[in-house]
Amino acid sequence: MIRKMWIAALASAAVMTAIPTANAAIELHNTVTGEPLNLDDAGPEGKDVAAFKEFLETGKNPYLDQPNCLAKAQELYLGACSGCHGHVGEGKIGPALNDSYWTYPDNNTDKGLFETIFGGASGQMGPMYNLLNVDEILLAMAWVRHMYTGSKEDAAWLNEKQLANFKPFDGKDAPKPQGDTLPECKVD
């Protein structure tokens, strides 16, 4: 009887850990422990956005091809990430994000970088889902990728079109819109 209860408990736990990404084509795991990430840890904001839904299907960040999103992406990065990683990703108390070295090699993929930002890592990198919603994480990631200064051969996240048009980051801010509001940022 005890053995049956134990097996039932294990099966229940397996089902519960699969629920967070049951509708996703990719599986998201904690960068350090490898445990499944629970997207329910974050609030509902951003989960209904087309870009996030596409990310869950492909593991690719659709904002990387959206120049109209760079101003918002930079704003989010500066507010949430630059204190530790530097204004242009040069590194401070956190590692540099603008070169080809990744503390966690999977961060060379959009899926891996999302896992680290959402679920945290070692040192002072805690989970960021309380500060940024899941869609904002993708936007901040777009700015991280935009700031890249390494070689295009080392950038696994670049698609064929991006590889063909790649230019290392020049240190300039994203173009600011006229007026007080940022342009609408959406995936085409």
N, C-alpha and C. Protein backbone atom coordinates (compact mmCIF):
# COMPACT_ATOMS: atom_id res chain seq x y z
N MET A 1 0.82 -1.19 0.00
CA MET A 1 0.00 0.00 0.00
C MET A 1 0.88 1.26 0.00
N ILE A 2 1.88 1.28 0.85
CA ILE A 2 2.77 2.44 0.93
C ILE A 2 3.49 2.63 -0.40
N ARG A 3 3.91 1.51 -1.02
CA ARG A 3 4.61 1.61 -2.30
C ARG A 3 3.69 2.22 -3.37
N LYS A 4 2.41 1.83 -3.42
CA LYS A 4 1.46 2.39 -4.38
C LYS A 4 1.26 3.88 -4.13
N MET A 5 1.19 4.29 -2.87
CA MET A 5 1.02 5.71 -2.53
C MET A 5 2.26 6.49 -2.98
N TRP A 6 3.44 5.91 -2.77
CA TRP A 6 4.69 6.57 -3.15
C TRP A 6 4.75 6.74 -4.66
N ILE A 7 4.39 5.70 -5.42
CA ILE A 7 4.39 5.76 -6.88
C ILE A 7 3.37 6.79 -7.36
N ALA A 8 2.20 6.83 -6.74
CA ALA A 8 1.18 7.81 -7.11
C ALA A 8 1.67 9.23 -6.84
N ALA A 9 2.38 9.42 -5.73
CA ALA A 9 2.92 10.75 -5.40
C ALA A 9 3.96 11.17 -6.43
N LEU A 10 4.83 10.25 -6.84
CA LEU A 10 5.83 10.57 -7.86
C LEU A 10 5.17 10.92 -9.19
N ALA A 11 4.18 10.16 -9.57
CA ALA A 11 3.48 10.44 -10.83
C ALA A 11 2.79 11.79 -10.77
N SER A 12 2.20 12.11 -9.63
CA SER A 12 1.54 13.41 -9.46
C SER A 12 2.56 14.54 -9.55
N ALA A 13 3.70 14.36 -8.93
CA ALA A 13 4.74 15.40 -8.98
C ALA A 13 5.24 15.59 -10.40
N ALA A 14 5.38 14.50 -11.16
CA ALA A 14 5.83 14.61 -12.55
C ALA A 14 4.83 15.38 -13.38
N VAL A 15 3.56 15.12 -13.18
CA VAL A 15 2.52 15.84 -13.92
C VAL A 15 2.53 17.31 -13.53
N MET A 16 2.67 17.62 -12.25
CA MET A 16 2.65 19.01 -11.80
C MET A 16 3.81 19.79 -12.37
N THR A 17 4.98 19.18 -12.50
CA THR A 17 6.12 19.93 -13.04
C THR A 17 6.01 20.11 -14.55
N ALA A 18 5.21 19.28 -15.21
CA ALA A 18 5.04 19.42 -16.65
C ALA A 18 4.00 20.46 -17.02
N ILE A 19 3.13 20.82 -16.12
CA ILE A 19 2.03 21.73 -16.40
C ILE A 19 2.47 23.10 -16.90
N PRO A 20 3.49 23.74 -16.31
CA PRO A 20 3.80 25.11 -16.71
C PRO A 20 4.06 25.31 -18.19
N THR A 21 4.65 24.35 -18.87
CA THR A 21 4.93 24.53 -20.29
C THR A 21 4.23 23.46 -21.12
N ALA A 22 3.10 22.93 -20.60
CA ALA A 22 2.40 21.85 -21.29
C ALA A 22 1.96 22.28 -22.70
N ASN A 23 1.65 23.53 -22.91
CA ASN A 23 1.21 24.00 -24.21
C ASN A 23 2.36 24.52 -25.07
N ALA A 24 3.57 24.41 -24.58
CA ALA A 24 4.73 24.94 -25.29
C ALA A 24 5.46 23.82 -26.02
N ALA A 25 6.09 24.18 -27.12
CA ALA A 25 6.90 23.23 -27.86
C ALA A 25 8.28 23.08 -27.24
N ILE A 26 8.73 24.09 -26.50
CA ILE A 26 10.03 24.02 -25.83
C ILE A 26 9.81 23.76 -24.35
N GLU A 27 10.81 23.19 -23.72
CA GLU A 27 10.79 22.99 -22.28
C GLU A 27 11.79 23.96 -21.67
N LEU A 28 11.37 24.66 -20.63
CA LEU A 28 12.22 25.64 -19.97
C LEU A 28 12.70 25.08 -18.64
N HIS A 29 14.01 25.22 -18.38
CA HIS A 29 14.60 24.68 -17.17
C HIS A 29 15.46 25.73 -16.46
N ASN A 30 15.59 25.57 -15.16
CA ASN A 30 16.45 26.44 -14.37
C ASN A 30 17.89 26.28 -14.84
N THR A 31 18.57 27.38 -15.04
CA THR A 31 19.94 27.39 -15.56
C THR A 31 20.90 26.61 -14.67
N VAL A 32 20.72 26.69 -13.35
CA VAL A 32 21.66 26.08 -12.43
C VAL A 32 21.25 24.66 -12.05
N THR A 33 19.99 24.47 -11.68
CA THR A 33 19.54 23.17 -11.17
C THR A 33 19.01 22.23 -12.23
N GLY A 34 18.59 22.77 -13.38
CA GLY A 34 17.99 21.95 -14.42
C GLY A 34 16.53 21.62 -14.18
N GLU A 35 15.98 22.05 -13.05
CA GLU A 35 14.57 21.78 -12.75
C GLU A 35 13.69 22.57 -13.72
N PRO A 36 12.50 22.02 -14.03
CA PRO A 36 11.58 22.76 -14.91
C PRO A 36 11.22 24.11 -14.31
N LEU A 37 11.15 25.13 -15.17
CA LEU A 37 10.70 26.45 -14.72
C LEU A 37 9.18 26.44 -14.70
N ASN A 38 8.62 27.09 -13.72
CA ASN A 38 7.17 27.20 -13.60
C ASN A 38 6.78 28.61 -14.03
N LEU A 39 6.24 28.75 -15.21
CA LEU A 39 5.84 30.06 -15.71
C LEU A 39 4.74 30.67 -14.87
N ASP A 40 4.05 29.86 -14.09
CA ASP A 40 3.01 30.38 -13.20
C ASP A 40 3.61 31.18 -12.04
N ASP A 41 4.93 31.07 -11.81
CA ASP A 41 5.57 31.89 -10.78
C ASP A 41 5.45 33.37 -11.14
N ALA A 42 5.40 33.67 -12.42
CA ALA A 42 5.24 35.05 -12.89
C ALA A 42 3.75 35.37 -12.97
N GLY A 43 3.43 36.62 -12.94
CA GLY A 43 2.05 37.05 -13.10
C GLY A 43 1.56 36.78 -14.51
N PRO A 44 0.30 37.07 -14.78
CA PRO A 44 -0.26 36.79 -16.11
C PRO A 44 0.17 37.78 -17.19
N GLU A 45 0.68 38.94 -16.81
CA GLU A 45 1.03 39.96 -17.78
C GLU A 45 2.06 39.44 -18.77
N GLY A 46 1.83 39.72 -20.03
CA GLY A 46 2.76 39.38 -21.09
C GLY A 46 2.59 37.99 -21.67
N LYS A 47 1.88 37.12 -20.97
CA LYS A 47 1.74 35.74 -21.45
C LYS A 47 0.80 35.63 -22.65
N ASP A 48 -0.05 36.62 -22.85
CA ASP A 48 -0.99 36.58 -23.97
C ASP A 48 -0.48 37.33 -25.20
N VAL A 49 0.74 37.83 -25.15
CA VAL A 49 1.33 38.59 -26.26
C VAL A 49 1.84 37.62 -27.33
N ALA A 50 1.59 37.96 -28.58
CA ALA A 50 1.97 37.08 -29.70
C ALA A 50 3.45 36.71 -29.68
N ALA A 51 4.32 37.64 -29.34
CA ALA A 51 5.76 37.37 -29.34
C ALA A 51 6.11 36.29 -28.31
N PHE A 52 5.50 36.34 -27.14
CA PHE A 52 5.80 35.33 -26.12
C PHE A 52 5.26 33.97 -26.55
N LYS A 53 4.07 33.95 -27.13
CA LYS A 53 3.51 32.69 -27.61
C LYS A 53 4.40 32.08 -28.69
N GLU A 54 4.91 32.92 -29.58
CA GLU A 54 5.82 32.44 -30.62
C GLU A 54 7.11 31.91 -30.01
N PHE A 55 7.64 32.60 -29.01
CA PHE A 55 8.85 32.15 -28.32
C PHE A 55 8.64 30.76 -27.72
N LEU A 56 7.49 30.53 -27.09
CA LEU A 56 7.22 29.22 -26.50
C LEU A 56 7.14 28.11 -27.54
N GLU A 57 6.81 28.46 -28.75
CA GLU A 57 6.73 27.47 -29.83
C GLU A 57 8.09 27.21 -30.47
N THR A 58 8.90 28.25 -30.61
CA THR A 58 10.12 28.14 -31.40
C THR A 58 11.41 28.20 -30.58
N GLY A 59 11.36 28.80 -29.40
CA GLY A 59 12.59 29.03 -28.63
C GLY A 59 13.39 30.20 -29.16
N LYS A 60 12.84 30.91 -30.14
CA LYS A 60 13.51 32.08 -30.74
C LYS A 60 12.78 33.35 -30.33
N ASN A 61 13.52 34.41 -30.10
CA ASN A 61 12.95 35.68 -29.70
C ASN A 61 12.54 36.48 -30.94
N PRO A 62 11.24 36.61 -31.18
CA PRO A 62 10.80 37.32 -32.39
C PRO A 62 11.11 38.82 -32.38
N TYR A 63 11.42 39.39 -31.22
CA TYR A 63 11.73 40.82 -31.16
C TYR A 63 13.08 41.16 -31.78
N LEU A 64 13.92 40.15 -32.03
CA LEU A 64 15.24 40.43 -32.60
C LEU A 64 15.14 41.02 -34.00
N ASP A 65 14.04 40.78 -34.68
CA ASP A 65 13.84 41.30 -36.04
C ASP A 65 12.94 42.53 -36.07
N GLN A 66 12.74 43.17 -34.92
CA GLN A 66 11.79 44.28 -34.84
C GLN A 66 12.49 45.57 -34.39
N PRO A 67 13.03 46.36 -35.31
CA PRO A 67 13.72 47.59 -34.92
C PRO A 67 12.79 48.59 -34.20
N ASN A 68 11.48 48.47 -34.44
CA ASN A 68 10.55 49.38 -33.75
C ASN A 68 10.48 49.07 -32.25
N CYS A 69 11.08 47.97 -31.82
CA CYS A 69 11.05 47.59 -30.41
C CYS A 69 12.31 47.98 -29.65
N LEU A 70 13.33 48.46 -30.34
CA LEU A 70 14.61 48.70 -29.68
C LEU A 70 14.55 49.78 -28.59
N ALA A 71 13.79 50.83 -28.80
CA ALA A 71 13.72 51.88 -27.77
C ALA A 71 13.13 51.32 -26.48
N LYS A 72 12.06 50.56 -26.58
CA LYS A 72 11.45 49.94 -25.39
C LYS A 72 12.39 48.91 -24.79
N ALA A 73 13.05 48.13 -25.65
CA ALA A 73 13.99 47.11 -25.19
C ALA A 73 15.14 47.74 -24.40
N GLN A 74 15.68 48.85 -24.90
CA GLN A 74 16.77 49.53 -24.20
C GLN A 74 16.27 50.08 -22.87
N GLU A 75 15.09 50.67 -22.87
CA GLU A 75 14.53 51.22 -21.63
C GLU A 75 14.40 50.13 -20.56
N LEU A 76 13.91 48.97 -20.94
CA LEU A 76 13.75 47.86 -19.99
C LEU A 76 15.11 47.37 -19.51
N TYR A 77 16.05 47.22 -20.42
CA TYR A 77 17.40 46.78 -20.05
C TYR A 77 18.04 47.75 -19.06
N LEU A 78 17.97 49.03 -19.37
CA LEU A 78 18.59 50.03 -18.49
C LEU A 78 17.97 50.03 -17.11
N GLY A 79 16.66 49.83 -17.03
CA GLY A 79 15.99 49.82 -15.74
C GLY A 79 16.19 48.55 -14.93
N ALA A 80 16.34 47.42 -15.59
CA ALA A 80 16.38 46.16 -14.87
C ALA A 80 17.75 45.47 -14.86
N CYS A 81 18.61 45.76 -15.81
CA CYS A 81 19.82 44.97 -15.98
C CYS A 81 21.13 45.74 -15.87
N SER A 82 21.11 47.02 -16.25
CA SER A 82 22.37 47.77 -16.38
C SER A 82 23.08 47.99 -15.06
N GLY A 83 22.37 47.99 -13.95
CA GLY A 83 23.01 48.19 -12.65
C GLY A 83 24.08 47.14 -12.37
N CYS A 84 23.85 45.93 -12.82
CA CYS A 84 24.81 44.84 -12.63
C CYS A 84 25.65 44.54 -13.87
N HIS A 85 25.05 44.70 -15.05
CA HIS A 85 25.72 44.29 -16.27
C HIS A 85 26.29 45.45 -17.08
N GLY A 86 26.09 46.69 -16.63
CA GLY A 86 26.66 47.84 -17.31
C GLY A 86 25.74 48.45 -18.33
N HIS A 87 25.94 49.75 -18.56
CA HIS A 87 25.10 50.53 -19.46
C HIS A 87 25.09 49.96 -20.88
N VAL A 88 26.22 49.47 -21.35
CA VAL A 88 26.30 48.88 -22.68
C VAL A 88 26.71 47.41 -22.61
N GLY A 89 26.36 46.75 -21.50
CA GLY A 89 26.63 45.33 -21.35
C GLY A 89 28.07 44.98 -21.11
N GLU A 90 28.86 45.95 -20.65
CA GLU A 90 30.30 45.74 -20.46
C GLU A 90 30.63 44.96 -19.20
N GLY A 91 29.65 44.78 -18.30
CA GLY A 91 29.87 44.06 -17.06
C GLY A 91 30.25 44.98 -15.92
N LYS A 92 29.73 44.68 -14.77
CA LYS A 92 30.06 45.38 -13.52
C LYS A 92 30.18 44.29 -12.48
N ILE A 93 29.21 44.22 -11.54
CA ILE A 93 29.23 43.11 -10.59
C ILE A 93 28.68 41.84 -11.23
N GLY A 94 27.97 41.98 -12.34
CA GLY A 94 27.53 40.85 -13.14
C GLY A 94 28.40 40.77 -14.38
N PRO A 95 28.40 39.64 -15.05
CA PRO A 95 29.27 39.49 -16.22
C PRO A 95 28.86 40.37 -17.39
N ALA A 96 29.80 40.59 -18.28
CA ALA A 96 29.52 41.31 -19.53
C ALA A 96 28.51 40.50 -20.34
N LEU A 97 27.66 41.23 -21.06
CA LEU A 97 26.65 40.59 -21.90
C LEU A 97 26.83 40.93 -23.37
N ASN A 98 27.83 41.74 -23.69
CA ASN A 98 27.97 42.23 -25.07
C ASN A 98 29.07 41.52 -25.87
N ASP A 99 29.66 40.48 -25.30
CA ASP A 99 30.72 39.78 -26.02
C ASP A 99 30.31 38.33 -26.25
N SER A 100 31.23 37.52 -26.71
CA SER A 100 30.90 36.14 -27.06
C SER A 100 31.11 35.15 -25.93
N TYR A 101 31.56 35.61 -24.75
CA TYR A 101 31.73 34.71 -23.62
C TYR A 101 30.45 34.69 -22.79
N TRP A 102 29.92 33.50 -22.54
CA TRP A 102 28.74 33.33 -21.70
C TRP A 102 29.09 32.47 -20.50
N THR A 103 28.83 32.98 -19.31
CA THR A 103 29.06 32.21 -18.09
C THR A 103 28.32 30.88 -18.20
N TYR A 104 27.12 30.93 -18.72
CA TYR A 104 26.32 29.73 -18.99
C TYR A 104 26.22 29.61 -20.51
N PRO A 105 26.92 28.64 -21.10
CA PRO A 105 26.97 28.55 -22.57
C PRO A 105 25.60 28.53 -23.25
N ASP A 106 24.58 27.99 -22.59
CA ASP A 106 23.25 27.98 -23.21
C ASP A 106 22.68 29.38 -23.42
N ASN A 107 23.26 30.38 -22.77
CA ASN A 107 22.78 31.75 -22.97
C ASN A 107 23.11 32.26 -24.38
N ASN A 108 23.85 31.48 -25.13
CA ASN A 108 24.10 31.80 -26.53
C ASN A 108 22.87 31.50 -27.39
N THR A 109 21.84 30.93 -26.77
CA THR A 109 20.55 30.72 -27.46
C THR A 109 19.51 31.58 -26.75
N ASP A 110 18.45 31.92 -27.46
CA ASP A 110 17.38 32.72 -26.85
C ASP A 110 16.72 31.95 -25.72
N LYS A 111 16.50 30.67 -25.91
CA LYS A 111 15.90 29.84 -24.87
C LYS A 111 16.75 29.87 -23.60
N GLY A 112 18.06 29.67 -23.75
CA GLY A 112 18.96 29.66 -22.60
C GLY A 112 19.01 31.00 -21.89
N LEU A 113 19.05 32.08 -22.63
CA LEU A 113 19.09 33.41 -22.01
C LEU A 113 17.78 33.69 -21.28
N PHE A 114 16.65 33.31 -21.87
CA PHE A 114 15.37 33.49 -21.18
C PHE A 114 15.35 32.70 -19.88
N GLU A 115 15.83 31.46 -19.90
CA GLU A 115 15.85 30.62 -18.70
C GLU A 115 16.65 31.29 -17.59
N THR A 116 17.80 31.86 -17.93
CA THR A 116 18.64 32.51 -16.92
C THR A 116 17.97 33.76 -16.36
N ILE A 117 17.38 34.57 -17.23
CA ILE A 117 16.74 35.79 -16.75
C ILE A 117 15.50 35.47 -15.94
N PHE A 118 14.65 34.59 -16.44
CA PHE A 118 13.41 34.25 -15.74
C PHE A 118 13.70 33.57 -14.41
N GLY A 119 14.53 32.54 -14.42
CA GLY A 119 14.73 31.71 -13.23
C GLY A 119 15.93 32.05 -12.38
N GLY A 120 16.78 32.97 -12.85
CA GLY A 120 17.96 33.34 -12.08
C GLY A 120 19.12 32.38 -12.33
N ALA A 121 20.24 32.68 -11.70
CA ALA A 121 21.45 31.88 -11.84
C ALA A 121 22.20 31.93 -10.52
N SER A 122 23.50 31.68 -10.56
CA SER A 122 24.29 31.73 -9.33
C SER A 122 24.68 33.17 -9.02
N GLY A 123 25.32 33.36 -7.90
CA GLY A 123 25.74 34.70 -7.50
C GLY A 123 24.55 35.57 -7.15
N GLN A 124 24.56 36.79 -7.61
CA GLN A 124 23.49 37.73 -7.28
C GLN A 124 22.38 37.77 -8.31
N MET A 125 22.42 36.91 -9.32
CA MET A 125 21.40 36.90 -10.37
C MET A 125 20.19 36.10 -9.90
N GLY A 126 19.25 36.81 -9.31
CA GLY A 126 18.02 36.17 -8.88
C GLY A 126 17.01 36.13 -10.01
N PRO A 127 15.91 35.41 -9.82
CA PRO A 127 14.86 35.37 -10.82
C PRO A 127 14.33 36.78 -11.09
N MET A 128 14.11 37.09 -12.35
CA MET A 128 13.67 38.43 -12.71
C MET A 128 12.18 38.51 -13.03
N TYR A 129 11.44 37.41 -12.88
CA TYR A 129 10.02 37.43 -13.22
C TYR A 129 9.19 38.31 -12.30
N ASN A 130 9.73 38.72 -11.17
CA ASN A 130 9.01 39.66 -10.30
C ASN A 130 9.21 41.11 -10.74
N LEU A 131 10.25 41.36 -11.51
CA LEU A 131 10.56 42.71 -11.98
C LEU A 131 10.06 42.95 -13.40
N LEU A 132 10.23 41.95 -14.26
CA LEU A 132 9.81 42.04 -15.66
C LEU A 132 8.82 40.93 -15.96
N ASN A 133 7.77 41.25 -16.73
CA ASN A 133 6.89 40.15 -17.14
C ASN A 133 7.58 39.38 -18.26
N VAL A 134 7.00 38.26 -18.67
CA VAL A 134 7.67 37.38 -19.63
C VAL A 134 7.91 38.06 -20.98
N ASP A 135 6.98 38.90 -21.41
CA ASP A 135 7.18 39.62 -22.66
C ASP A 135 8.28 40.67 -22.52
N GLU A 136 8.32 41.35 -21.38
CA GLU A 136 9.39 42.33 -21.14
C GLU A 136 10.75 41.66 -21.07
N ILE A 137 10.82 40.42 -20.58
CA ILE A 137 12.09 39.68 -20.58
C ILE A 137 12.57 39.51 -22.02
N LEU A 138 11.66 39.15 -22.92
CA LEU A 138 12.04 39.00 -24.33
C LEU A 138 12.53 40.32 -24.91
N LEU A 139 11.87 41.42 -24.55
CA LEU A 139 12.31 42.73 -25.04
C LEU A 139 13.70 43.08 -24.52
N ALA A 140 13.93 42.90 -23.22
CA ALA A 140 15.26 43.17 -22.65
C ALA A 140 16.32 42.30 -23.33
N MET A 141 15.97 41.06 -23.63
CA MET A 141 16.88 40.17 -24.34
C MET A 141 17.23 40.73 -25.72
N ALA A 142 16.25 41.35 -26.38
CA ALA A 142 16.50 41.93 -27.69
C ALA A 142 17.57 43.01 -27.61
N TRP A 143 17.56 43.80 -26.53
CA TRP A 143 18.59 44.83 -26.38
C TRP A 143 19.94 44.18 -26.08
N VAL A 144 19.95 43.13 -25.26
CA VAL A 144 21.21 42.42 -24.99
C VAL A 144 21.81 41.93 -26.31
N ARG A 145 21.00 41.34 -27.15
CA ARG A 145 21.49 40.85 -28.44
C ARG A 145 21.94 42.02 -29.33
N HIS A 146 21.23 43.12 -29.27
CA HIS A 146 21.58 44.30 -30.07
C HIS A 146 22.95 44.85 -29.67
N MET A 147 23.30 44.76 -28.39
CA MET A 147 24.57 45.30 -27.88
C MET A 147 25.77 44.41 -28.20
N TYR A 148 25.57 43.31 -28.85
CA TYR A 148 26.62 42.33 -29.10
C TYR A 148 27.76 42.92 -29.92
N THR A 149 29.00 42.70 -29.44
CA THR A 149 30.19 43.21 -30.12
C THR A 149 31.10 42.10 -30.64
N GLY A 150 30.75 40.86 -30.36
CA GLY A 150 31.58 39.74 -30.78
C GLY A 150 31.41 39.42 -32.25
N SER A 151 31.97 38.30 -32.65
CA SER A 151 31.89 37.90 -34.07
C SER A 151 30.55 37.21 -34.34
N LYS A 152 30.07 37.37 -35.55
CA LYS A 152 28.77 36.79 -35.89
C LYS A 152 28.84 35.26 -35.88
N GLU A 153 30.01 34.70 -36.11
CA GLU A 153 30.15 33.24 -36.08
C GLU A 153 29.90 32.66 -34.69
N ASP A 154 30.06 33.47 -33.67
CA ASP A 154 29.85 33.00 -32.30
C ASP A 154 28.46 33.30 -31.76
N ALA A 155 27.59 33.84 -32.58
CA ALA A 155 26.25 34.26 -32.14
C ALA A 155 25.20 33.28 -32.64
N ALA A 156 24.96 32.22 -31.87
CA ALA A 156 24.03 31.15 -32.28
C ALA A 156 22.60 31.64 -32.47
N TRP A 157 22.25 32.76 -31.89
CA TRP A 157 20.88 33.25 -31.97
C TRP A 157 20.56 33.94 -33.29
N LEU A 158 21.57 34.30 -34.05
CA LEU A 158 21.34 35.01 -35.31
C LEU A 158 20.78 34.07 -36.38
N ASN A 159 19.72 34.53 -37.05
CA ASN A 159 19.19 33.76 -38.18
C ASN A 159 19.96 34.17 -39.45
N GLU A 160 19.62 33.56 -40.58
CA GLU A 160 20.37 33.82 -41.81
C GLU A 160 20.33 35.29 -42.22
N LYS A 161 19.16 35.91 -42.14
CA LYS A 161 19.04 37.33 -42.50
C LYS A 161 19.89 38.20 -41.56
N GLN A 162 19.84 37.90 -40.27
CA GLN A 162 20.61 38.67 -39.30
C GLN A 162 22.11 38.47 -39.52
N LEU A 163 22.52 37.25 -39.85
CA LEU A 163 23.93 36.99 -40.13
C LEU A 163 24.41 37.82 -41.31
N ALA A 164 23.58 37.89 -42.35
CA ALA A 164 23.95 38.63 -43.55
C ALA A 164 24.07 40.12 -43.30
N ASN A 165 23.28 40.65 -42.38
CA ASN A 165 23.25 42.09 -42.11
C ASN A 165 23.95 42.48 -40.81
N PHE A 166 24.68 41.55 -40.21
CA PHE A 166 25.27 41.80 -38.88
C PHE A 166 26.31 42.91 -38.89
N LYS A 167 26.17 43.79 -37.91
CA LYS A 167 27.17 44.81 -37.60
C LYS A 167 27.31 44.84 -36.09
N PRO A 168 28.54 44.79 -35.57
CA PRO A 168 28.71 44.86 -34.11
C PRO A 168 28.13 46.16 -33.55
N PHE A 169 27.71 46.12 -32.31
CA PHE A 169 27.12 47.27 -31.63
C PHE A 169 28.08 48.45 -31.65
N ASP A 170 27.57 49.61 -31.99
CA ASP A 170 28.38 50.82 -32.09
C ASP A 170 28.30 51.70 -30.83
N GLY A 171 27.61 51.25 -29.81
CA GLY A 171 27.51 52.00 -28.56
C GLY A 171 26.44 53.06 -28.54
N LYS A 172 25.72 53.23 -29.63
CA LYS A 172 24.69 54.28 -29.70
C LYS A 172 23.38 53.79 -29.10
N ASP A 173 22.66 54.73 -28.50
CA ASP A 173 21.33 54.44 -27.98
C ASP A 173 20.38 54.11 -29.11
N ALA A 174 19.31 53.41 -28.76
CA ALA A 174 18.25 53.15 -29.74
C ALA A 174 17.66 54.48 -30.18
N PRO A 175 17.22 54.58 -31.42
CA PRO A 175 16.59 55.82 -31.88
C PRO A 175 15.38 56.15 -31.00
N LYS A 176 15.33 57.39 -30.57
CA LYS A 176 14.22 57.83 -29.72
C LYS A 176 13.12 58.40 -30.60
N PRO A 177 11.89 58.12 -30.23
CA PRO A 177 10.76 58.63 -31.02
C PRO A 177 10.54 60.12 -30.79
N GLN A 178 9.85 60.73 -31.71
CA GLN A 178 9.44 62.11 -31.53
C GLN A 178 8.31 62.12 -30.50
N GLY A 179 8.29 63.08 -29.61
CA GLY A 179 7.23 63.16 -28.62
C GLY A 179 7.58 62.39 -27.36
N ASP A 180 6.56 62.15 -26.54
CA ASP A 180 6.78 61.56 -25.22
C ASP A 180 6.56 60.05 -25.16
N THR A 181 6.06 59.45 -26.21
CA THR A 181 5.73 58.03 -26.13
C THR A 181 6.63 57.20 -27.04
N LEU A 182 6.89 55.99 -26.62
CA LEU A 182 7.66 55.06 -27.43
C LEU A 182 6.75 54.51 -28.53
N PRO A 183 7.32 54.17 -29.69
CA PRO A 183 6.49 53.60 -30.75
C PRO A 183 5.92 52.25 -30.31
N GLU A 184 4.80 51.89 -30.91
CA GLU A 184 4.22 50.59 -30.58
C GLU A 184 5.19 49.49 -30.97
N CYS A 185 5.39 48.59 -30.05
CA CYS A 185 6.32 47.50 -30.27
C CYS A 185 5.50 46.22 -30.41
N LYS A 186 5.50 45.67 -31.61
CA LYS A 186 4.80 44.41 -31.82
C LYS A 186 5.51 43.64 -32.92
N VAL A 187 5.27 42.36 -32.93
CA VAL A 187 5.86 41.50 -33.93
C VAL A 187 5.02 41.59 -35.19
N ASP A 188 5.69 41.82 -36.32
CA ASP A 188 4.99 41.91 -37.61
C ASP A 188 4.41 40.57 -38.01
